[in-house]
């Protein structure tokens, strides 16, 4: 069954710009690009240029998901969006813990919290919009990888 909904382009763009814009701002303020190259990194660490590309894609997917949830008629959408904004705040604060304050072990614990919140978000999104939930799978996979990278950097630095 295909449900066609009219796209509210203004709302879609705003929903995408919120995570993309905040992510770019936090990246700039936390000094993430400078800090990453100065660390001792494990052999599987991707080059620094990969991160802004991947995060732009993931934040765009987050924005699309939040748009799908916000446009739904579900009585559960406010709770789902609460979890969405909570995980987004935890996501954005991680950069400061890791790059600004160099608290690598705390950042590792923080990213584990983020993984839990993203799983919770996916669970909340699923009954409202399977598409919105499934769009978050790459994000969950990426932060799972990032948690391993974070822990390895903690051990090496």
Protein backbone atom coordinates (compact mmCIF):
# COMPACT_ATOMS: atom_id res chain seq x y z
CA UNK A 1 0.00 0.00 0.00
CA UNK A 2 1.49 3.31 -1.06
CA UNK A 3 0.41 6.41 0.79
CA UNK A 4 0.97 9.60 -1.13
CA UNK A 5 1.34 12.70 0.95
CA UNK A 6 1.77 16.22 -0.19
CA UNK A 7 5.27 17.44 0.57
CA UNK A 8 5.58 20.66 2.52
CA UNK A 9 8.94 21.73 1.07
CA UNK A 10 9.44 24.62 3.49
CA UNK A 11 8.98 22.32 6.49
CA UNK A 12 11.18 19.64 4.90
CA UNK A 13 14.00 22.13 4.31
CA UNK A 14 13.75 23.48 7.87
CA UNK A 15 13.79 19.96 9.27
CA UNK A 16 16.93 19.18 7.27
CA UNK A 17 18.65 22.49 8.03
CA UNK A 18 18.26 22.08 11.81
CA UNK A 19 20.58 19.05 12.19
CA UNK A 20 22.83 19.96 9.23
CA UNK A 21 23.26 23.56 10.41
CA UNK A 22 23.76 22.66 14.06
CA UNK A 23 26.20 19.91 13.09
CA UNK A 24 28.25 22.34 11.00
CA UNK A 25 28.21 24.93 13.78
CA UNK A 26 29.30 22.42 16.41
CA UNK A 27 32.02 21.09 14.10
CA UNK A 28 33.34 24.62 13.70
CA UNK A 29 33.09 25.53 17.40
CA UNK A 30 34.56 22.29 18.73
CA UNK A 31 37.59 22.38 16.44
CA UNK A 32 36.90 18.83 15.34
CA UNK A 33 38.84 19.00 12.08
CA UNK A 34 42.02 20.27 13.75
CA UNK A 35 41.77 17.99 16.77
CA UNK A 36 41.27 14.76 14.84
CA UNK A 37 44.46 14.98 12.79
CA UNK A 38 46.57 15.61 15.90
CA UNK A 39 45.53 12.37 17.65
CA UNK A 40 47.23 9.00 17.59
CA UNK A 41 44.71 6.97 15.59
CA UNK A 42 44.10 3.28 15.06
CA UNK A 43 44.88 1.76 11.67
CA UNK A 44 41.19 1.60 10.74
CA UNK A 45 40.56 5.32 11.33
CA UNK A 46 39.15 7.00 8.23
CA UNK A 47 40.79 10.17 6.92
CA UNK A 48 39.39 13.38 8.38
CA UNK A 49 37.68 14.39 5.13
CA UNK A 50 35.28 11.45 5.48
CA UNK A 51 33.60 12.87 8.58
CA UNK A 52 31.97 16.03 7.22
CA UNK A 53 30.71 14.10 4.20
CA UNK A 54 29.24 11.27 6.26
CA UNK A 55 27.76 13.60 8.88
CA UNK A 56 26.13 15.80 6.23
CA UNK A 57 24.43 12.72 4.80
CA UNK A 58 23.41 11.43 8.24
CA UNK A 59 22.10 14.81 9.40
CA UNK A 60 20.13 15.10 6.15
CA UNK A 61 18.59 11.68 6.78
CA UNK A 62 17.78 12.79 10.35
CA UNK A 63 16.05 15.87 9.00
CA UNK A 64 14.01 13.86 6.51
CA UNK A 65 13.01 11.44 9.27
CA UNK A 66 11.99 14.22 11.63
CA UNK A 67 9.97 15.76 8.80
CA UNK A 68 8.13 12.47 8.18
CA UNK A 69 7.32 12.16 11.87
CA UNK A 70 6.28 15.80 12.24
CA UNK A 71 3.93 15.55 9.27
CA UNK A 72 2.23 12.40 10.53
CA UNK A 73 -1.15 12.30 12.21
CA UNK A 74 0.11 9.97 14.91
CA UNK A 75 -0.79 10.80 18.49
CA UNK A 76 2.72 9.58 19.40
CA UNK A 77 4.64 12.01 17.21
CA UNK A 78 5.42 14.50 20.02
CA UNK A 79 7.05 11.77 22.14
CA UNK A 80 8.98 10.51 19.12
CA UNK A 81 10.18 14.03 18.28
CA UNK A 82 11.21 14.55 21.92
CA UNK A 83 13.48 11.51 21.66
CA UNK A 84 14.74 12.79 18.30
CA UNK A 85 15.73 16.19 19.74
CA UNK A 86 17.20 14.58 22.85
CA UNK A 87 19.47 12.32 20.79
CA UNK A 88 20.38 15.27 18.56
CA UNK A 89 21.47 17.30 21.62
CA UNK A 90 23.52 14.36 22.96
CA UNK A 91 25.03 13.90 19.49
CA UNK A 92 26.06 17.54 19.23
CA UNK A 93 27.49 17.70 22.75
CA UNK A 94 29.69 14.67 22.11
CA UNK A 95 31.95 16.78 19.86
CA UNK A 96 32.73 19.15 22.72
CA UNK A 97 33.45 16.31 25.15
CA UNK A 98 35.75 14.62 22.65
CA UNK A 99 37.39 17.41 20.64
CA UNK A 100 37.26 20.46 22.91
CA UNK A 101 37.85 18.88 26.31
CA UNK A 102 39.75 15.74 25.15
CA UNK A 103 37.82 13.59 27.61
CA UNK A 104 38.05 10.49 25.46
CA UNK A 105 36.73 7.96 27.96
CA UNK A 106 33.81 10.19 28.93
CA UNK A 107 33.15 10.71 25.22
CA UNK A 108 33.08 6.93 24.81
CA UNK A 109 30.47 6.62 27.58
CA UNK A 110 28.61 9.55 26.01
CA UNK A 111 28.47 7.84 22.62
CA UNK A 112 27.15 4.67 24.26
CA UNK A 113 24.35 6.83 25.67
CA UNK A 114 23.81 8.19 22.16
CA UNK A 115 23.56 4.67 20.72
CA UNK A 116 20.87 3.86 23.29
CA UNK A 117 18.98 7.04 22.43
CA UNK A 118 19.16 6.34 18.69
CA UNK A 119 17.80 2.84 19.24
CA UNK A 120 15.01 4.36 21.35
CA UNK A 121 14.33 6.91 18.60
CA UNK A 122 14.12 4.19 15.95
CA UNK A 123 11.70 2.25 18.16
CA UNK A 124 9.56 5.39 18.61
CA UNK A 125 9.65 6.19 14.88
CA UNK A 126 8.81 2.66 13.70
CA UNK A 127 5.04 2.62 14.42
CA UNK A 128 4.66 6.16 13.04
CA UNK A 129 6.76 5.84 9.89
CA UNK A 130 8.78 2.80 8.94
CA UNK A 131 10.64 4.95 6.40
CA UNK A 132 11.65 7.46 9.10
CA UNK A 133 12.86 4.61 11.30
CA UNK A 134 14.78 2.85 8.53
CA UNK A 135 16.48 6.08 7.47
CA UNK A 136 18.20 6.04 10.89
CA UNK A 137 19.89 2.66 10.41
CA UNK A 138 22.98 4.18 8.69
CA UNK A 139 23.27 6.63 11.61
CA UNK A 140 23.12 3.80 14.14
CA UNK A 141 25.76 1.85 12.20
CA UNK A 142 28.01 4.90 11.90
CA UNK A 143 27.91 5.81 15.59
CA UNK A 144 28.49 2.16 16.47
CA UNK A 145 31.65 2.31 14.37
CA UNK A 146 32.46 5.72 15.89
CA UNK A 147 32.20 4.26 19.38
CA UNK A 148 34.86 1.67 18.51
CA UNK A 149 37.01 4.42 17.00
CA UNK A 150 36.43 6.60 20.08
CA UNK A 151 37.47 3.81 22.45
CA UNK A 152 40.56 3.03 20.36
CA UNK A 153 41.60 6.67 20.41
CA UNK A 154 41.10 6.67 24.18
CA UNK A 155 43.44 3.70 24.50
CA UNK A 156 46.07 5.19 22.18
CA UNK A 157 46.06 8.71 23.59
